[in-house]
Amino acid sequence: MISARRTMGTILALLIGLGGCAGIMAPERRFEDFVMVVPRDSDTFETLAQKYLNDSTQGWMIAEYNGIDAITAGQEIVVPLKLPSPGKVTTRQYQTVPVLCYHNFSRDVTNAMTVTGRDFDAQMQFLQDKGYHVISLDSLFDFIEYKKPIPDKSVVITVDDGWRSFYDIAFPILKKYNYPATLFIYIDMIEETKKSTLNWKQVQELAMAGIDIQNHTKTHRNLKDLKQGESVAQYFKSLQEELIGSTRVIKEKLNKDIKYIAYPYGDTNDITVAILRKNGYRGAFTVKRGSAPFFIDQFRVNRSVIYGAYDMKKFERNLTYVSSKALR
């Protein structure tokens, strides 16, 4: 990517020089693989991506290609007409995506699974300040399935269970930064009548506001192992209810298709994966720490749990967005 930018920069300089000699500054010059554009005051990365790539969401690619964070009217930039490879594989490295996992939030009290609103806000501010791109699960799986590239420094935000604190504390902070996020809920928790948990009205409100609601099973049982005294037949019936019965409930409540699941405790096995595949799931998440490359198992995607005691250095360690070595 760096060598390509340098090559394009050299070509751009030559073309600008030629234009200067002729006394003409053309607003657009088309070539096989790129367009040289002179932006107008009203242009943004998104409007240029829509015009030349027919997809406004690819504005990040123009920014990355030119190595700039903002457009200056009248200053020539290059719009690449071909998308880079989704995995951004080179001889030395390949792209990976950190998927962050939160559980509960609090105004001031913290424990292993509870992050204060102050710390969550600081973490989201850190992502913004350091140039991270928060993407949706659909974008992540387009990357994993090698369909579409995603920005450098992409990251995914997920939250498990269904605590009321997500609605009261985390959601306003996510709106503040305009970050997409996925909330994995388990049905029995939502149907409890406790002030500490979400209810369906709040879940519906979150969904209407753009939070991606996905599945975390019915009861939050461990899917990997049989319970004491449970027969294989009983276990299989339980899996059907945990995985498919819960999917049906969420779909009925929210009128949406459910495509992703977070395994309780991060545990799974081959039969669980087979049921998910058979019933149209696109992917599933563990809590194995580490980022996700494009070649990861779609039904065993890594996630890094963010604990309440994390300072910013520990938080940053979970944000690896490029491999340290190439494919062998």
Foldseek 3Di string as FASTA:
>chain_A
DVVLLVVVVVVVVVVVVVCVVVVHDDQWDDDDFKIKGQDAPPDWLQVVCCVQVVGSQCSLVQCVSNVHDTDDHRDIGIGTNDADFQQPADQWWTWWEAEEEAEAEDCDDFDFRYAYLVQLLVLLVVCVVVVAAEDDPVVVLCSLQRNHHDHFRYYAYEYEAFWCRCLVRVVVSCVVSVHEHEYAYAAVQQPDPDPGGHHLVSVLVVVVVHHHYAHAFHPLDQLADDDVPADPVNSVVRLCCRPVVRQVVVCVSRVDHHAEYEYRQQDDDDVSVVVSVVVHHQAYEGAAQDTGGSNDDRHYGYHHYDTRPDDVVNVVVSRDTMDRGHDD
